[in-house]
């Protein structure tokens, strides 16, 4: 049985220290969504500096960095390459949360995931480190993320938007099943599904 671990997300490298002291085994520079609402955008240079500072402070902790969808796709790829050179362990994509599908149903789900799928495809071919495809994914599009080259998927709003714990569990199981993970008991481990 895998050893459970905790990942903490922030855009402040200094904030990671307390989290690691409290037991976090992985840190992520990301979750920019709350900043976008206020017009705060993270340029590639800033993301790179945050990663360099985090690696300086916590050289032995696994570091994941989300590449902002606000960058043009070629710039996302370039940033991912630079992050890999700086010792980042995992790259995460984003983008689906802000796409506005014009169609309902399955076609709309694919439209919503297109930005993050494109990023996962492009970035996974440019770097050797794992790429987590995240943002706007569902049970329909999570397998597409893996086919595009992602090592795993991250889901948040697909689960968080549900108001019922049973529905949340069902959605996680549906996504896990869609990507070929064995669906275990509620206390089981669904390792590649990241919230």
Protein backbone atom coordinates (compact mmCIF):
# COMPACT_ATOMS: atom_id res chain seq x y z
CA UNK A 1 0.00 0.00 0.00
CA UNK A 2 1.44 3.40 -0.97
CA UNK A 3 2.39 5.78 1.80
CA UNK A 4 -0.08 8.69 1.84
CA UNK A 5 1.43 12.12 1.35
CA UNK A 6 0.27 15.71 1.27
CA UNK A 7 0.89 18.31 -1.43
CA UNK A 8 0.54 22.00 -0.55
CA UNK A 9 -0.03 24.68 -3.18
CA UNK A 10 1.02 28.33 -3.00
CA UNK A 11 2.65 31.13 -4.96
CA UNK A 12 4.83 32.08 -1.98
CA UNK A 13 7.93 29.88 -1.58
CA UNK A 14 8.37 31.00 2.03
CA UNK A 15 4.90 29.63 2.86
CA UNK A 16 6.06 26.14 1.91
CA UNK A 17 8.46 25.94 4.86
CA UNK A 18 5.72 25.64 7.49
CA UNK A 19 3.80 23.16 5.34
CA UNK A 20 6.84 20.92 4.93
CA UNK A 21 7.61 21.17 8.65
CA UNK A 22 4.01 20.04 9.25
CA UNK A 23 4.48 17.00 7.02
CA UNK A 24 3.90 17.97 3.38
CA UNK A 25 6.01 15.81 1.06
CA UNK A 26 5.32 17.78 -2.11
CA UNK A 27 4.73 21.44 -2.94
CA UNK A 28 3.10 23.05 -5.94
CA UNK A 29 3.46 26.51 -7.37
CA UNK A 30 0.01 26.97 -8.85
CA UNK A 31 -3.70 27.40 -8.23
CA UNK A 32 -3.59 30.77 -9.94
CA UNK A 33 -7.38 30.82 -10.43
CA UNK A 34 -8.11 32.92 -7.36
CA UNK A 35 -5.67 35.56 -8.62
CA UNK A 36 -7.05 35.69 -12.17
CA UNK A 37 -10.38 36.92 -10.81
CA UNK A 38 -8.57 40.07 -9.64
CA UNK A 39 -6.63 40.56 -12.86
CA UNK A 40 -3.39 39.13 -11.41
CA UNK A 41 -1.50 37.28 -14.11
CA UNK A 42 1.75 35.37 -13.55
CA UNK A 43 4.30 35.92 -16.33
CA UNK A 44 6.72 33.13 -17.25
CA UNK A 45 9.69 34.94 -15.70
CA UNK A 46 7.93 35.19 -12.34
CA UNK A 47 6.93 31.52 -12.36
CA UNK A 48 10.52 30.57 -13.16
CA UNK A 49 11.85 32.72 -10.30
CA UNK A 50 9.30 31.23 -7.87
CA UNK A 51 10.49 27.75 -8.87
CA UNK A 52 14.17 28.67 -8.48
CA UNK A 53 13.50 30.17 -5.04
CA UNK A 54 11.46 27.14 -3.94
CA UNK A 55 14.21 24.75 -5.04
CA UNK A 56 16.76 26.89 -3.17
CA UNK A 57 14.71 26.78 0.04
CA UNK A 58 13.54 23.15 -0.26
CA UNK A 59 15.97 21.30 -2.54
CA UNK A 60 14.86 17.80 -1.46
CA UNK A 61 11.08 18.29 -1.64
CA UNK A 62 9.16 17.24 -4.75
CA UNK A 63 8.16 20.39 -6.66
CA UNK A 64 5.28 20.64 -9.09
CA UNK A 65 4.73 23.83 -11.07
CA UNK A 66 1.58 24.74 -12.95
CA UNK A 67 2.26 26.41 -16.28
CA UNK A 68 -0.26 29.26 -16.64
CA UNK A 69 -2.78 28.95 -19.46
CA UNK A 70 -2.52 32.72 -19.89
CA UNK A 71 0.74 32.16 -21.79
CA UNK A 72 0.67 31.38 -25.50
CA UNK A 73 1.15 27.64 -26.09
CA UNK A 74 4.74 27.98 -27.41
CA UNK A 75 5.56 30.06 -24.32
CA UNK A 76 4.03 27.39 -22.07
CA UNK A 77 6.32 24.81 -23.67
CA UNK A 78 9.38 27.06 -23.29
CA UNK A 79 8.56 27.69 -19.62
CA UNK A 80 8.15 23.95 -19.01
CA UNK A 81 11.57 23.32 -20.56
CA UNK A 82 13.16 26.01 -18.38
CA UNK A 83 11.44 24.63 -15.28
CA UNK A 84 12.75 21.16 -16.04
CA UNK A 85 16.28 22.60 -16.36
CA UNK A 86 15.85 24.18 -12.91
CA UNK A 87 15.05 20.81 -11.33
CA UNK A 88 11.25 20.96 -11.17
CA UNK A 89 9.89 17.43 -10.73
CA UNK A 90 6.39 17.70 -12.23
CA UNK A 91 4.69 20.10 -14.64
CA UNK A 92 0.95 20.71 -14.41
CA UNK A 93 -1.22 22.22 -17.13
CA UNK A 94 -4.32 24.36 -16.76
CA UNK A 95 -6.84 26.09 -18.95
CA UNK A 96 -10.19 24.36 -19.17
CA UNK A 97 -11.82 26.36 -16.39
CA UNK A 98 -11.85 29.46 -18.56
CA UNK A 99 -12.86 27.99 -21.89
CA UNK A 100 -16.48 28.57 -22.85
CA UNK A 101 -17.89 25.59 -24.72
CA UNK A 102 -20.43 26.46 -27.38
CA UNK A 103 -21.99 22.99 -27.38
CA UNK A 104 -23.71 20.94 -24.66
CA UNK A 105 -22.94 17.34 -23.75
CA UNK A 106 -19.87 15.42 -24.79
CA UNK A 107 -18.85 17.96 -27.43
CA UNK A 108 -18.95 20.71 -24.80
CA UNK A 109 -16.81 18.62 -22.44
CA UNK A 110 -14.20 18.19 -25.18
CA UNK A 111 -14.30 21.92 -26.02
CA UNK A 112 -13.80 22.79 -22.35
CA UNK A 113 -10.75 20.55 -22.03
CA UNK A 114 -9.12 21.55 -25.32
CA UNK A 115 -6.70 24.19 -23.89
CA UNK A 116 -5.29 21.89 -21.20
CA UNK A 117 -5.18 18.91 -23.58
CA UNK A 118 -3.22 20.97 -26.12
CA UNK A 119 -0.81 22.05 -23.38
CA UNK A 120 -0.37 18.48 -22.12
CA UNK A 121 0.29 17.23 -25.64
CA UNK A 122 2.84 19.92 -26.43
CA UNK A 123 4.61 20.02 -23.07
CA UNK A 124 4.84 16.23 -22.65
CA UNK A 125 6.75 16.03 -25.92
CA UNK A 126 9.20 18.75 -24.85
CA UNK A 127 10.13 17.54 -21.34
CA UNK A 128 11.12 14.24 -19.75
CA UNK A 129 9.49 14.90 -16.36
CA UNK A 130 5.88 13.90 -15.64
CA UNK A 131 3.10 16.18 -16.88
CA UNK A 132 -0.20 16.33 -15.01
CA UNK A 133 -3.08 17.50 -17.18
CA UNK A 134 -5.48 19.52 -15.09
CA UNK A 135 -8.36 21.97 -15.43
CA UNK A 136 -11.65 21.34 -17.11
CA UNK A 137 -11.30 17.57 -17.25
CA UNK A 138 -14.09 15.03 -16.84
CA UNK A 139 -14.60 11.29 -17.18
CA UNK A 140 -14.97 11.93 -20.92
CA UNK A 141 -11.74 13.90 -21.35
CA UNK A 142 -9.41 12.40 -18.71
CA UNK A 143 -8.52 9.45 -21.02
CA UNK A 144 -7.75 12.00 -23.75
CA UNK A 145 -5.27 13.66 -21.39
CA UNK A 146 -3.40 10.39 -20.96
CA UNK A 147 -3.51 9.75 -24.71
CA UNK A 148 -2.10 13.27 -25.23
CA UNK A 149 0.93 12.34 -23.15
CA UNK A 150 0.01 13.27 -19.59
CA UNK A 151 1.29 11.03 -16.79
CA UNK A 152 -1.80 11.73 -14.69
CA UNK A 153 -4.82 13.97 -14.41
CA UNK A 154 -5.94 16.58 -11.94
CA UNK A 155 -9.60 17.27 -11.31
CA UNK A 156 -11.08 19.91 -9.09
CA UNK A 157 -14.24 21.61 -10.32
CA UNK A 158 -15.58 18.35 -11.79
CA UNK A 159 -15.84 17.19 -8.18
CA UNK A 160 -16.00 20.42 -6.17
CA UNK A 161 -19.05 21.72 -8.03
CA UNK A 162 -21.09 18.79 -6.72
CA UNK A 163 -23.03 19.43 -3.52
CA UNK A 164 -23.32 15.83 -2.39
CA UNK A 165 -20.48 13.67 -1.07
CA UNK A 166 -21.98 10.58 -2.70
CA UNK A 167 -22.03 12.38 -6.06
CA UNK A 168 -18.42 13.47 -5.51
CA UNK A 169 -17.34 9.89 -4.83
CA UNK A 170 -19.25 8.71 -7.89
CA UNK A 171 -17.52 11.33 -10.07
CA UNK A 172 -14.05 10.39 -8.80
CA UNK A 173 -14.83 6.71 -9.39
CA UNK A 174 -16.11 7.53 -12.87
CA UNK A 175 -12.90 9.41 -13.74
CA UNK A 176 -10.72 6.68 -12.20
CA UNK A 177 -12.60 4.04 -14.18
CA UNK A 178 -12.31 6.12 -17.37
CA UNK A 179 -8.51 6.22 -17.10
CA UNK A 180 -8.26 2.55 -16.24
CA UNK A 181 -7.53 2.72 -12.54
CA UNK A 182 -9.00 -0.02 -10.43
CA UNK A 183 -11.93 1.44 -8.54
CA UNK A 184 -11.43 0.59 -4.91
CA UNK A 185 -13.49 0.91 -1.78
CA UNK A 186 -14.16 4.46 -0.54
CA UNK A 187 -11.14 4.18 1.78
CA UNK A 188 -8.97 3.00 -1.15
CA UNK A 189 -6.28 4.83 -3.04
CA UNK A 190 -6.98 6.66 -6.30
CA UNK A 191 -3.43 7.86 -6.87
CA UNK A 192 -3.62 9.56 -10.26
CA UNK A 193 -6.70 11.61 -9.50
CA UNK A 194 -5.53 14.90 -7.95
CA UNK A 195 -7.82 17.45 -6.32
